[in-house]
PDB file of N, CA and C in Angstrom:
ATOM      1  N   MET A   1     -27.204 -18.512 -50.755  1.00  0.00           N
ATOM      2  CA  MET A   1     -25.743 -18.054 -49.606  1.00  0.00           C
ATOM      3  C   MET A   1     -25.858 -16.469 -49.999  1.00  0.00           C
ATOM      4  N   ALA A   2     -26.421 -15.705 -49.002  1.00  0.00           N
ATOM      5  CA  ALA A   2     -26.510 -13.960 -49.133  1.00  0.00           C
ATOM      6  C   ALA A   2     -25.615 -13.308 -49.526  1.00  0.00           C
ATOM      7  N   THR A   3     -25.501 -12.545 -49.709  1.00  0.00           N
ATOM      8  CA  THR A   3     -24.474 -11.490 -50.534  1.00  0.00           C
ATOM      9  C   THR A   3     -25.211 -10.145 -49.645  1.00  0.00           C
ATOM     10  N   ALA A   4     -23.438  -9.227 -49.241  1.00  0.00           N
ATOM     11  CA  ALA A   4     -23.438  -8.328 -48.603  1.00  0.00           C
ATOM     12  C   ALA A   4     -24.067  -7.248 -49.860  1.00  0.00           C
ATOM     13  N   LYS A   5     -24.736  -6.601 -49.483  1.00  0.00           N
ATOM     14  CA  LYS A   5     -24.747  -5.066 -50.397  1.00  0.00           C
ATOM     15  C   LYS A   5     -23.801  -4.082 -50.151  1.00  0.00           C
ATOM     16  N   LYS A   6     -23.257  -3.537 -51.338  1.00  0.00           N
ATOM     17  CA  LYS A   6     -22.614  -2.372 -51.338  1.00  0.00           C
ATOM     18  C   LYS A   6     -23.141  -0.997 -50.909  1.00  0.00           C
ATOM     19  N   ALA A   7     -22.946  -0.380 -49.700  1.00  0.00           N
ATOM     20  CA  ALA A   7     -23.528   1.166 -49.603  1.00  0.00           C
ATOM     21  C   ALA A   7     -22.690   1.909 -50.690  1.00  0.00           C
ATOM     22  N   THR A   8     -23.871   2.401 -51.068  1.00  0.00           N
ATOM     23  CA  THR A   8     -24.035   3.471 -52.545  1.00  0.00           C
ATOM     24  C   THR A   8     -23.549   4.790 -51.555  1.00  0.00           C
ATOM     25  N   PRO A   9     -22.931   5.642 -52.200  1.00  0.00           N
ATOM     26  CA  PRO A   9     -22.992   7.347 -51.563  1.00  0.00           C
ATOM     27  C   PRO A   9     -23.584   7.687 -51.139  1.00  0.00           C
ATOM     28  N   ALA A  10     -25.467   7.649 -52.150  1.00  0.00           N
ATOM     29  CA  ALA A  10     -26.364   8.237 -51.666  1.00  0.00           C
ATOM     30  C   ALA A  10     -26.924   7.967 -50.083  1.00  0.00           C
ATOM     31  N   THR A  11     -26.758   6.450 -49.899  1.00  0.00           N
ATOM     32  CA  THR A  11     -27.136   6.167 -48.845  1.00  0.00           C
ATOM     33  C   THR A  11     -26.271   6.292 -47.694  1.00  0.00           C
ATOM     34  N   LYS A  12     -25.000   6.358 -47.503  1.00  0.00           N
ATOM     35  CA  LYS A  12     -24.162   6.865 -46.629  1.00  0.00           C
ATOM     36  C   LYS A  12     -24.567   8.137 -46.078  1.00  0.00           C
ATOM     37  N   THR A  13     -25.035   8.342 -44.769  1.00  0.00           N
ATOM     38  CA  THR A  13     -25.012   9.767 -44.105  1.00  0.00           C
ATOM     39  C   THR A  13     -23.814   9.846 -42.520  1.00  0.00           C
ATOM     40  N   THR A  14     -23.552  11.085 -42.577  1.00  0.00           N
ATOM     41  CA  THR A  14     -22.702  11.193 -42.003  1.00  0.00           C
ATOM     42  C   THR A  14     -22.774  12.385 -41.103  1.00  0.00           C
ATOM     43  N   PRO A  15     -22.727  12.289 -39.587  1.00  0.00           N
ATOM     44  CA  PRO A  15     -23.152  13.170 -38.982  1.00  0.00           C
ATOM     45  C   PRO A  15     -22.757  14.569 -39.061  1.00  0.00           C
ATOM     46  N   ALA A  16     -23.169  15.556 -39.132  1.00  0.00           N
ATOM     47  CA  ALA A  16     -22.331  17.093 -39.530  1.00  0.00           C
ATOM     48  C   ALA A  16     -21.920  17.275 -37.691  1.00  0.00           C
ATOM     49  N   LYS A  17     -20.609  17.959 -38.038  1.00  0.00           N
ATOM     50  CA  LYS A  17     -19.959  18.247 -36.958  1.00  0.00           C
ATOM     51  C   LYS A  17     -20.078  19.916 -36.638  1.00  0.00           C
ATOM     52  N   THR A  18     -21.246  20.190 -36.510  1.00  0.00           N
ATOM     53  CA  THR A  18     -21.288  21.678 -36.473  1.00  0.00           C
ATOM     54  C   THR A  18     -21.324  22.055 -34.535  1.00  0.00           C
ATOM     55  N   ALA A  19     -21.303  21.198 -33.598  1.00  0.00           N
ATOM     56  CA  ALA A  19     -21.407  21.486 -32.427  1.00  0.00           C
ATOM     57  C   ALA A  19     -19.613  21.442 -32.251  1.00  0.00           C
ATOM     58  N   ALA A  20     -19.576  22.429 -30.736  1.00  0.00           N
ATOM     59  CA  ALA A  20     -18.128  22.553 -30.564  1.00  0.00           C
ATOM     60  C   ALA A  20     -18.225  21.101 -29.830  1.00  0.00           C
ATOM     61  N   PRO A  21     -16.874  20.974 -29.484  1.00  0.00           N
ATOM     62  CA  PRO A  21     -16.185  20.125 -28.766  1.00  0.00           C
ATOM     63  C   PRO A  21     -17.008  20.350 -27.324  1.00  0.00           C
ATOM     64  N   ALA A  22     -17.270  18.986 -26.239  1.00  0.00           N
ATOM     65  CA  ALA A  22     -17.456  18.954 -24.974  1.00  0.00           C
ATOM     66  C   ALA A  22     -16.175  20.107 -24.094  1.00  0.00           C
ATOM     67  N   ALA A  23     -16.605  20.916 -23.628  1.00  0.00           N
ATOM     68  CA  ALA A  23     -15.360  21.172 -22.392  1.00  0.00           C
ATOM     69  C   ALA A  23     -14.814  20.335 -21.602  1.00  0.00           C
ATOM     70  N   LYS A  24     -13.967  20.472 -21.367  1.00  0.00           N
ATOM     71  CA  LYS A  24     -13.088  19.141 -20.671  1.00  0.00           C
ATOM     72  C   LYS A  24     -13.681  19.509 -19.178  1.00  0.00           C
ATOM     73  N   LYS A  25     -14.124  18.534 -18.430  1.00  0.00           N
ATOM     74  CA  LYS A  25     -14.568  18.395 -16.919  1.00  0.00           C
ATOM     75  C   LYS A  25     -13.102  18.613 -16.203  1.00  0.00           C
ATOM     76  N   ALA A  26     -13.479  19.337 -15.287  1.00  0.00           N
ATOM     77  CA  ALA A  26     -12.759  20.086 -14.081  1.00  0.00           C
ATOM     78  C   ALA A  26     -12.318  18.874 -13.129  1.00  0.00           C
ATOM     79  N   ALA A  27     -10.946  19.102 -12.552  1.00  0.00           N
ATOM     80  CA  ALA A  27     -10.485  18.075 -11.952  1.00  0.00           C
ATOM     81  C   ALA A  27     -11.362  17.702 -10.760  1.00  0.00           C
ATOM     82  N   PRO A  28     -11.758  16.835  -9.763  1.00  0.00           N
ATOM     83  CA  PRO A  28     -12.779  16.995  -8.735  1.00  0.00           C
ATOM     84  C   PRO A  28     -11.761  17.199  -7.430  1.00  0.00           C
ATOM     85  N   ALA A  29     -12.427  17.988  -6.868  1.00  0.00           N
ATOM     86  CA  ALA A  29     -11.705  18.535  -5.857  1.00  0.00           C
ATOM     87  C   ALA A  29     -11.282  17.339  -4.613  1.00  0.00           C
ATOM     88  N   LYS A  30      -9.972  17.335  -4.247  1.00  0.00           N
ATOM     89  CA  LYS A  30      -9.513  16.191  -3.386  1.00  0.00           C
ATOM     90  C   LYS A  30     -10.574  16.409  -2.162  1.00  0.00           C
ATOM     91  N   ARG A  31     -10.940  15.205  -1.731  1.00  0.00           N
ATOM     92  CA  ARG A  31     -11.422  15.245  -0.299  1.00  0.00           C
ATOM     93  C   ARG A  31     -10.388  15.324   0.760  1.00  0.00           C
ATOM     94  N   THR A  32     -10.907  15.870   1.646  1.00  0.00           N
ATOM     95  CA  THR A  32     -10.411  16.079   2.875  1.00  0.00           C
ATOM     96  C   THR A  32     -10.577  14.938   3.933  1.00  0.00           C
ATOM     97  N   PRO A  33      -9.708  13.871   4.586  1.00  0.00           N
ATOM     98  CA  PRO A  33     -10.351  13.423   5.655  1.00  0.00           C
ATOM     99  C   PRO A  33     -11.041  13.862   6.672  1.00  0.00           C
ATOM    100  N   ASN A  34     -12.201  12.843   7.046  1.00  0.00           N
ATOM    101  CA  ASN A  34     -12.475  12.991   8.236  1.00  0.00           C
ATOM    102  C   ASN A  34     -11.882  13.066   9.724  1.00  0.00           C
ATOM    103  N   ALA A  35     -12.193  14.173  10.300  1.00  0.00           N
ATOM    104  CA  ALA A  35     -11.271  14.350  11.472  1.00  0.00           C
ATOM    105  C   ALA A  35     -12.064  13.294  12.598  1.00  0.00           C
ATOM    106  N   ALA A  36     -12.948  12.735  12.750  1.00  0.00           N
ATOM    107  CA  ALA A  36     -13.247  11.505  13.454  1.00  0.00           C
ATOM    108  C   ALA A  36     -12.585  10.115  12.959  1.00  0.00           C
ATOM    109  N   PHE A  37     -12.128   9.957  12.200  1.00  0.00           N
ATOM    110  CA  PHE A  37     -11.466   8.755  11.484  1.00  0.00           C
ATOM    111  C   PHE A  37      -9.736   9.003  11.629  1.00  0.00           C
ATOM    112  N   MET A  38      -9.554  10.195  11.782  1.00  0.00           N
ATOM    113  CA  MET A  38      -7.760  10.889  11.895  1.00  0.00           C
ATOM    114  C   MET A  38      -7.637  11.085  13.338  1.00  0.00           C
ATOM    115  N   LYS A  39      -8.302  10.656  14.209  1.00  0.00           N
ATOM    116  CA  LYS A  39      -7.945  10.749  15.457  1.00  0.00           C
ATOM    117  C   LYS A  39      -7.631   9.476  15.944  1.00  0.00           C
ATOM    118  N   ALA A  40      -6.105   9.861  16.855  1.00  0.00           N
ATOM    119  CA  ALA A  40      -5.720   8.795  17.598  1.00  0.00           C
ATOM    120  C   ALA A  40      -6.264   7.853  18.818  1.00  0.00           C
ATOM    121  N   LEU A  41      -6.327   6.802  18.581  1.00  0.00           N
ATOM    122  CA  LEU A  41      -7.684   6.445  19.940  1.00  0.00           C
ATOM    123  C   LEU A  41      -6.366   5.332  20.372  1.00  0.00           C
ATOM    124  N   THR A  42      -6.694   5.140  21.754  1.00  0.00           N
ATOM    125  CA  THR A  42      -5.914   4.550  22.899  1.00  0.00           C
ATOM    126  C   THR A  42      -6.482   2.919  22.586  1.00  0.00           C
ATOM    127  N   PRO A  43      -5.906   1.666  22.233  1.00  0.00           N
ATOM    128  CA  PRO A  43      -6.528   0.488  22.264  1.00  0.00           C
ATOM    129  C   PRO A  43      -6.523  -0.535  23.707  1.00  0.00           C
ATOM    130  N   SER A  44      -7.461  -1.323  24.026  1.00  0.00           N
ATOM    131  CA  SER A  44      -7.349  -1.785  25.126  1.00  0.00           C
ATOM    132  C   SER A  44      -6.103  -2.700  25.101  1.00  0.00           C
ATOM    133  N   PRO A  45      -5.800  -3.374  26.571  1.00  0.00           N
ATOM    134  CA  PRO A  45      -4.937  -4.095  26.372  1.00  0.00           C
ATOM    135  C   PRO A  45      -5.042  -5.335  25.859  1.00  0.00           C
ATOM    136  N   GLN A  46      -6.111  -5.825  25.457  1.00  0.00           N
ATOM    137  CA  GLN A  46      -6.266  -6.987  24.740  1.00  0.00           C
ATOM    138  C   GLN A  46      -6.215  -6.976  23.260  1.00  0.00           C
ATOM    139  N   LEU A  47      -6.178  -5.667  22.932  1.00  0.00           N
ATOM    140  CA  LEU A  47      -6.288  -4.939  21.555  1.00  0.00           C
ATOM    141  C   LEU A  47      -4.698  -4.775  21.154  1.00  0.00           C
ATOM    142  N   ALA A  48      -4.062  -4.125  22.174  1.00  0.00           N
ATOM    143  CA  ALA A  48      -2.578  -4.010  22.160  1.00  0.00           C
ATOM    144  C   ALA A  48      -1.399  -5.113  21.792  1.00  0.00           C
ATOM    145  N   ALA A  49      -2.469  -6.259  22.405  1.00  0.00           N
ATOM    146  CA  ALA A  49      -1.505  -7.396  22.240  1.00  0.00           C
ATOM    147  C   ALA A  49      -1.464  -7.616  20.673  1.00  0.00           C
ATOM    148  N   VAL A  50      -2.478  -7.443  19.892  1.00  0.00           N
ATOM    149  CA  VAL A  50      -2.318  -7.689  18.267  1.00  0.00           C
ATOM    150  C   VAL A  50      -1.474  -6.300  17.639  1.00  0.00           C
ATOM    151  N   ILE A  51      -1.818  -5.302  18.045  1.00  0.00           N
ATOM    152  CA  ILE A  51      -1.673  -4.385  17.118  1.00  0.00           C
ATOM    153  C   ILE A  51      -0.712  -3.172  17.864  1.00  0.00           C
ATOM    154  N   GLY A  52      -0.061  -3.329  18.954  1.00  0.00           N
ATOM    155  CA  GLY A  52       0.370  -2.575  19.543  1.00  0.00           C
ATOM    156  C   GLY A  52      -0.387  -1.449  20.706  1.00  0.00           C
ATOM    157  N   ALA A  53       0.510  -0.931  21.300  1.00  0.00           N
ATOM    158  CA  ALA A  53      -0.045   0.162  21.962  1.00  0.00           C
ATOM    159  C   ALA A  53       0.004   1.306  22.003  1.00  0.00           C
ATOM    160  N   GLN A  54       0.375   1.940  21.136  1.00  0.00           N
ATOM    161  CA  GLN A  54       0.475   2.963  20.772  1.00  0.00           C
ATOM    162  C   GLN A  54      -0.830   3.533  20.241  1.00  0.00           C
ATOM    163  N   PRO A  55      -1.202   5.088  20.168  1.00  0.00           N
ATOM    164  CA  PRO A  55      -2.548   5.439  19.774  1.00  0.00           C
ATOM    165  C   PRO A  55      -2.616   5.651  18.290  1.00  0.00           C
ATOM    166  N   LEU A  56      -3.688   5.044  17.980  1.00  0.00           N
ATOM    167  CA  LEU A  56      -3.837   5.084  16.243  1.00  0.00           C
ATOM    168  C   LEU A  56      -5.145   5.959  15.662  1.00  0.00           C
ATOM    169  N   PRO A  57      -5.299   5.866  14.445  1.00  0.00           N
ATOM    170  CA  PRO A  57      -6.544   6.160  13.954  1.00  0.00           C
ATOM    171  C   PRO A  57      -7.547   5.130  13.620  1.00  0.00           C
ATOM    172  N   ARG A  58      -8.702   4.847  13.775  1.00  0.00           N
ATOM    173  CA  ARG A  58      -9.268   4.025  13.387  1.00  0.00           C
ATOM    174  C   ARG A  58      -9.114   3.268  11.957  1.00  0.00           C
ATOM    175  N   THR A  59      -8.652   3.799  10.974  1.00  0.00           N
ATOM    176  CA  THR A  59      -8.231   3.347   9.419  1.00  0.00           C
ATOM    177  C   THR A  59      -6.994   2.166  10.143  1.00  0.00           C
ATOM    178  N   GLU A  60      -6.159   2.831  10.520  1.00  0.00           N
ATOM    179  CA  GLU A  60      -4.624   2.516  10.686  1.00  0.00           C
ATOM    180  C   GLU A  60      -4.889   1.271  11.912  1.00  0.00           C
ATOM    181  N   VAL A  61      -5.878   1.244  12.479  1.00  0.00           N
ATOM    182  CA  VAL A  61      -6.132  -0.252  13.314  1.00  0.00           C
ATOM    183  C   VAL A  61      -6.739  -1.330  12.514  1.00  0.00           C
ATOM    184  N   THR A  62      -7.594  -0.585  11.561  1.00  0.00           N
ATOM    185  CA  THR A  62      -7.947  -1.832  10.827  1.00  0.00           C
ATOM    186  C   THR A  62      -7.008  -2.472   9.893  1.00  0.00           C
ATOM    187  N   LYS A  63      -6.299  -1.564   9.384  1.00  0.00           N
ATOM    188  CA  LYS A  63      -5.221  -2.129   8.491  1.00  0.00           C
ATOM    189  C   LYS A  63      -4.155  -3.339   9.267  1.00  0.00           C
ATOM    190  N   LYS A  64      -3.651  -2.844  10.542  1.00  0.00           N
ATOM    191  CA  LYS A  64      -2.963  -3.079  11.340  1.00  0.00           C
ATOM    192  C   LYS A  64      -3.965  -4.881  11.559  1.00  0.00           C
ATOM    193  N   ILE A  65      -5.081  -4.941  12.063  1.00  0.00           N
ATOM    194  CA  ILE A  65      -5.547  -6.072  12.407  1.00  0.00           C
ATOM    195  C   ILE A  65      -5.624  -6.915  11.096  1.00  0.00           C
ATOM    196  N   TRP A  66      -5.846  -6.487   9.844  1.00  0.00           N
ATOM    197  CA  TRP A  66      -5.875  -7.275   8.904  1.00  0.00           C
ATOM    198  C   TRP A  66      -4.356  -7.904   8.416  1.00  0.00           C
ATOM    199  N   GLU A  67      -3.386  -6.960   9.208  1.00  0.00           N
ATOM    200  CA  GLU A  67      -1.950  -7.425   8.568  1.00  0.00           C
ATOM    201  C   GLU A  67      -1.660  -8.771   9.545  1.00  0.00           C
ATOM    202  N   TYR A  68      -2.281  -8.708  10.923  1.00  0.00           N
ATOM    203  CA  TYR A  68      -2.388  -9.967  12.021  1.00  0.00           C
ATOM    204  C   TYR A  68      -2.801 -10.921  10.914  1.00  0.00           C
ATOM    205  N   ILE A  69      -4.358 -10.500  10.903  1.00  0.00           N
ATOM    206  CA  ILE A  69      -4.955 -11.958  10.321  1.00  0.00           C
ATOM    207  C   ILE A  69      -4.130 -12.591   9.032  1.00  0.00           C
ATOM    208  N   LYS A  70      -3.945 -11.761   7.903  1.00  0.00           N
ATOM    209  CA  LYS A  70      -3.024 -12.478   6.906  1.00  0.00           C
ATOM    210  C   LYS A  70      -1.575 -13.136   7.348  1.00  0.00           C
ATOM    211  N   ALA A  71      -0.893 -12.432   8.159  1.00  0.00           N
ATOM    212  CA  ALA A  71       0.415 -13.056   8.715  1.00  0.00           C
ATOM    213  C   ALA A  71      -0.094 -14.556   9.596  1.00  0.00           C
ATOM    214  N   HIS A  72      -1.179 -14.815  10.183  1.00  0.00           N
ATOM    215  CA  HIS A  72      -1.177 -15.820  10.735  1.00  0.00           C
ATOM    216  C   HIS A  72      -2.136 -16.593  10.371  1.00  0.00           C
ATOM    217  N   LYS A  73      -2.564 -16.379   8.954  1.00  0.00           N
ATOM    218  CA  LYS A  73      -3.519 -17.209   8.062  1.00  0.00           C
ATOM    219  C   LYS A  73      -4.647 -17.418   9.014  1.00  0.00           C
ATOM    220  N   LEU A  74      -5.570 -16.784   9.220  1.00  0.00           N
ATOM    221  CA  LEU A  74      -6.867 -16.427  10.021  1.00  0.00           C
ATOM    222  C   LEU A  74      -7.635 -16.550   9.189  1.00  0.00           C
ATOM    223  N   GLN A  75      -7.773 -16.161   7.869  1.00  0.00           N
ATOM    224  CA  GLN A  75      -8.885 -16.238   7.595  1.00  0.00           C
ATOM    225  C   GLN A  75      -9.277 -17.927   6.728  1.00  0.00           C
ATOM    226  N   ASP A  76     -10.963 -17.302   6.658  1.00  0.00           N
ATOM    227  CA  ASP A  76     -11.481 -19.118   6.753  1.00  0.00           C
ATOM    228  C   ASP A  76     -11.251 -19.137   4.949  1.00  0.00           C
ATOM    229  N   GLU A  77     -10.528 -20.457   4.581  1.00  0.00           N
ATOM    230  CA  GLU A  77     -10.915 -21.325   3.576  1.00  0.00           C
ATOM    231  C   GLU A  77     -11.429 -21.130   2.518  1.00  0.00           C
ATOM    232  N   ALA A  78     -12.984 -21.633   3.085  1.00  0.00           N
ATOM    233  CA  ALA A  78     -14.015 -21.946   2.425  1.00  0.00           C
ATOM    234  C   ALA A  78     -14.685 -21.032   2.243  1.00  0.00           C
ATOM    235  N   ASN A  79     -14.764 -19.853   3.332  1.00  0.00           N
ATOM    236  CA  ASN A  79     -15.540 -18.183   2.827  1.00  0.00           C
ATOM    237  C   ASN A  79     -14.758 -17.528   3.375  1.00  0.00           C
ATOM    238  N   LYS A  80     -13.816 -16.320   2.877  1.00  0.00           N
ATOM    239  CA  LYS A  80     -12.539 -15.773   2.822  1.00  0.00           C
ATOM    240  C   LYS A  80     -13.461 -14.321   3.448  1.00  0.00           C
ATOM    241  N   ARG A  81     -14.999 -14.186   3.715  1.00  0.00           N
ATOM    242  CA  ARG A  81     -15.137 -13.251   4.734  1.00  0.00           C
ATOM    243  C   ARG A  81     -15.159 -13.548   5.581  1.00  0.00           C
ATOM    244  N   ASN A  82     -14.924 -14.900   6.612  1.00  0.00           N
ATOM    245  CA  ASN A  82     -15.048 -15.177   7.498  1.00  0.00           C
ATOM    246  C   ASN A  82     -13.582 -15.195   7.964  1.00  0.00           C
ATOM    247  N   ILE A  83     -13.276 -14.937   9.625  1.00  0.00           N
ATOM    248  CA  ILE A  83     -11.668 -14.790   9.846  1.00  0.00           C
ATOM    249  C   ILE A  83     -11.941 -15.706  11.381  1.00  0.00           C
ATOM    250  N   ASN A  84     -11.247 -16.280  11.469  1.00  0.00           N
ATOM    251  CA  ASN A  84     -11.107 -17.803  12.325  1.00  0.00           C
ATOM    252  C   ASN A  84     -10.165 -16.973  13.395  1.00  0.00           C
ATOM    253  N   ALA A  85     -10.753 -16.945  15.019  1.00  0.00           N
ATOM    254  CA  ALA A  85      -9.897 -16.160  15.936  1.00  0.00           C
ATOM    255  C   ALA A  85      -9.074 -17.126  16.476  1.00  0.00           C
ATOM    256  N   ASP A  86      -7.738 -16.576  16.743  1.00  0.00           N
ATOM    257  CA  ASP A  86      -6.713 -17.360  17.630  1.00  0.00           C
ATOM    258  C   ASP A  86      -7.061 -17.128  18.881  1.00  0.00           C
ATOM    259  N   ALA A  87      -5.828 -16.825  20.074  1.00  0.00           N
ATOM    260  CA  ALA A  87      -6.140 -16.853  21.319  1.00  0.00           C
ATOM    261  C   ALA A  87      -6.198 -15.221  21.699  1.00  0.00           C
ATOM    262  N   LYS A  88      -5.344 -14.434  20.428  1.00  0.00           N
ATOM    263  CA  LYS A  88      -5.383 -13.220  21.098  1.00  0.00           C
ATOM    264  C   LYS A  88      -6.867 -12.404  20.687  1.00  0.00           C
ATOM    265  N   LEU A  89      -7.324 -12.848  19.242  1.00  0.00           N
ATOM    266  CA  LEU A  89      -8.417 -12.378  18.555  1.00  0.00           C
ATOM    267  C   LEU A  89      -9.402 -12.764  19.534  1.00  0.00           C
ATOM    268  N   LYS A  90      -9.522 -14.259  19.615  1.00  0.00           N
ATOM    269  CA  LYS A  90     -11.019 -14.121  20.803  1.00  0.00           C
ATOM    270  C   LYS A  90     -11.055 -13.467  21.692  1.00  0.00           C
ATOM    271  N   GLU A  91     -10.109 -12.677  22.679  1.00  0.00           N
ATOM    272  CA  GLU A  91     -10.415 -11.990  23.543  1.00  0.00           C
ATOM    273  C   GLU A  91     -11.284 -10.586  23.143  1.00  0.00           C
ATOM    274  N   ILE A  92     -10.670 -10.315  22.028  1.00  0.00           N
ATOM    275  CA  ILE A  92     -11.672  -9.071  21.188  1.00  0.00           C
ATOM    276  C   ILE A  92     -12.855  -9.366  20.647  1.00  0.00           C
ATOM    277  N   PHE A  93     -13.129 -10.728  19.893  1.00  0.00           N
ATOM    278  CA  PHE A  93     -14.088 -10.959  19.444  1.00  0.00           C
ATOM    279  C   PHE A  93     -14.950 -12.025  20.139  1.00  0.00           C
ATOM    280  N   LYS A  94     -14.786 -12.624  21.167  1.00  0.00           N
ATOM    281  CA  LYS A  94     -15.713 -13.078  22.005  1.00  0.00           C
ATOM    282  C   LYS A  94     -16.427 -14.101  21.289  1.00  0.00           C
ATOM    283  N   LYS A  95     -15.556 -14.584  20.432  1.00  0.00           N
ATOM    284  CA  LYS A  95     -16.615 -15.487  19.334  1.00  0.00           C
ATOM    285  C   LYS A  95     -15.345 -16.475  18.930  1.00  0.00           C
ATOM    286  N   PRO A  96     -15.323 -17.751  18.371  1.00  0.00           N
ATOM    287  CA  PRO A  96     -14.583 -18.093  17.607  1.00  0.00           C
ATOM    288  C   PRO A  96     -14.387 -17.975  15.874  1.00  0.00           C
ATOM    289  N   GLN A  97     -15.355 -17.535  15.600  1.00  0.00           N
ATOM    290  CA  GLN A  97     -15.169 -16.871  14.127  1.00  0.00           C
ATOM    291  C   GLN A  97     -16.150 -15.723  14.146  1.00  0.00           C
ATOM    292  N   VAL A  98     -15.615 -14.796  13.064  1.00  0.00           N
ATOM    293  CA  VAL A  98     -16.718 -13.493  12.982  1.00  0.00           C
ATOM    294  C   VAL A  98     -16.320 -13.183  11.323  1.00  0.00           C
ATOM    295  N   SER A  99     -17.259 -12.618  11.088  1.00  0.00           N
ATOM    296  CA  SER A  99     -17.447 -11.851   9.473  1.00  0.00           C
ATOM    297  C   SER A  99     -16.488 -10.749   9.536  1.00  0.00           C
ATOM    298  N   MET A 100     -15.900 -10.332   8.416  1.00  0.00           N
ATOM    299  CA  MET A 100     -15.244  -8.653   8.316  1.00  0.00           C
ATOM    300  C   MET A 100     -16.129  -7.874   8.635  1.00  0.00           C
ATOM    301  N   PHE A 101     -17.202  -7.826   8.144  1.00  0.00           N
ATOM    302  CA  PHE A 101     -17.949  -6.378   8.958  1.00  0.00           C
ATOM    303  C   PHE A 101     -18.416  -6.491  10.206  1.00  0.00           C
ATOM    304  N   GLU A 102     -18.547  -7.503  10.669  1.00  0.00           N
ATOM    305  CA  GLU A 102     -18.670  -7.635  12.172  1.00  0.00           C
ATOM    306  C   GLU A 102     -17.699  -7.165  12.689  1.00  0.00           C
ATOM    307  N   MET A 103     -16.054  -7.717  12.524  1.00  0.00           N
ATOM    308  CA  MET A 103     -15.146  -7.701  12.979  1.00  0.00           C
ATOM    309  C   MET A 103     -14.850  -6.259  13.768  1.00  0.00           C
ATOM    310  N   THR A 104     -15.263  -5.240  12.647  1.00  0.00           N
ATOM    311  CA  THR A 104     -14.920  -3.645  12.965  1.00  0.00           C
ATOM    312  C   THR A 104     -15.537  -3.123  14.297  1.00  0.00           C
ATOM    313  N   LYS A 105     -17.120  -3.883  13.760  1.00  0.00           N
ATOM    314  CA  LYS A 105     -17.889  -3.136  15.433  1.00  0.00           C
ATOM    315  C   LYS A 105     -17.022  -3.642  16.517  1.00  0.00           C
ATOM    316  N   LEU A 106     -16.765  -5.399  16.592  1.00  0.00           N
ATOM    317  CA  LEU A 106     -16.071  -5.628  17.834  1.00  0.00           C
ATOM    318  C   LEU A 106     -14.951  -4.732  18.114  1.00  0.00           C
ATOM    319  N   VAL A 107     -14.095  -4.528  17.271  1.00  0.00           N
ATOM    320  CA  VAL A 107     -12.800  -3.667  17.531  1.00  0.00           C
ATOM    321  C   VAL A 107     -12.840  -2.333  18.069  1.00  0.00           C
ATOM    322  N   ASN A 108     -13.944  -1.629  17.525  1.00  0.00           N
ATOM    323  CA  ASN A 108     -14.419  -0.421  17.875  1.00  0.00           C
ATOM    324  C   ASN A 108     -14.583  -0.173  19.518  1.00  0.00           C
ATOM    325  N   SER A 109     -15.272  -0.962  20.061  1.00  0.00           N
ATOM    326  CA  SER A 109     -15.419  -0.988  21.493  1.00  0.00           C
ATOM    327  C   SER A 109     -14.322  -1.671  22.157  1.00  0.00           C
ATOM    328  N   HIS A 110     -13.002  -1.691  21.517  1.00  0.00           N
ATOM    329  CA  HIS A 110     -12.051  -1.973  22.188  1.00  0.00           C
ATOM    330  C   HIS A 110     -10.608  -0.807  22.018  1.00  0.00           C
ATOM    331  N   LEU A 111     -11.473   0.411  21.769  1.00  0.00           N
ATOM    332  CA  LEU A 111     -11.057   1.441  21.577  1.00  0.00           C
ATOM    333  C   LEU A 111     -11.793   2.879  22.432  1.00  0.00           C
ATOM    334  N   SER A 112     -10.422   3.400  22.536  1.00  0.00           N
ATOM    335  CA  SER A 112     -10.897   4.856  23.629  1.00  0.00           C
ATOM    336  C   SER A 112     -10.133   5.823  23.241  1.00  0.00           C
TER     337      SER A 112
END
């Protein structure tokens, strides 16, 4: 059975605190949104059936599409990255199933 050795005061070393404490970092400046993302775009009639006809920025369009997908339970159960298109989304996607990364590209073609 091993026994732990007691540390003797001669073997203990403590670092000297001669350096001044580091100055606190300044808070990073807030990012300003890119004007291209904030520009209101008009949806096509097919996209308007899903998100509404009012002009919206790209970020809001994506949020509204995700609200629609979650409300209608269109996310694939086996692979959550895939979206199963219903009749309205099939007009936009032109496929029965798309990945969430591909969705944004397909939706952008319906914005002007």
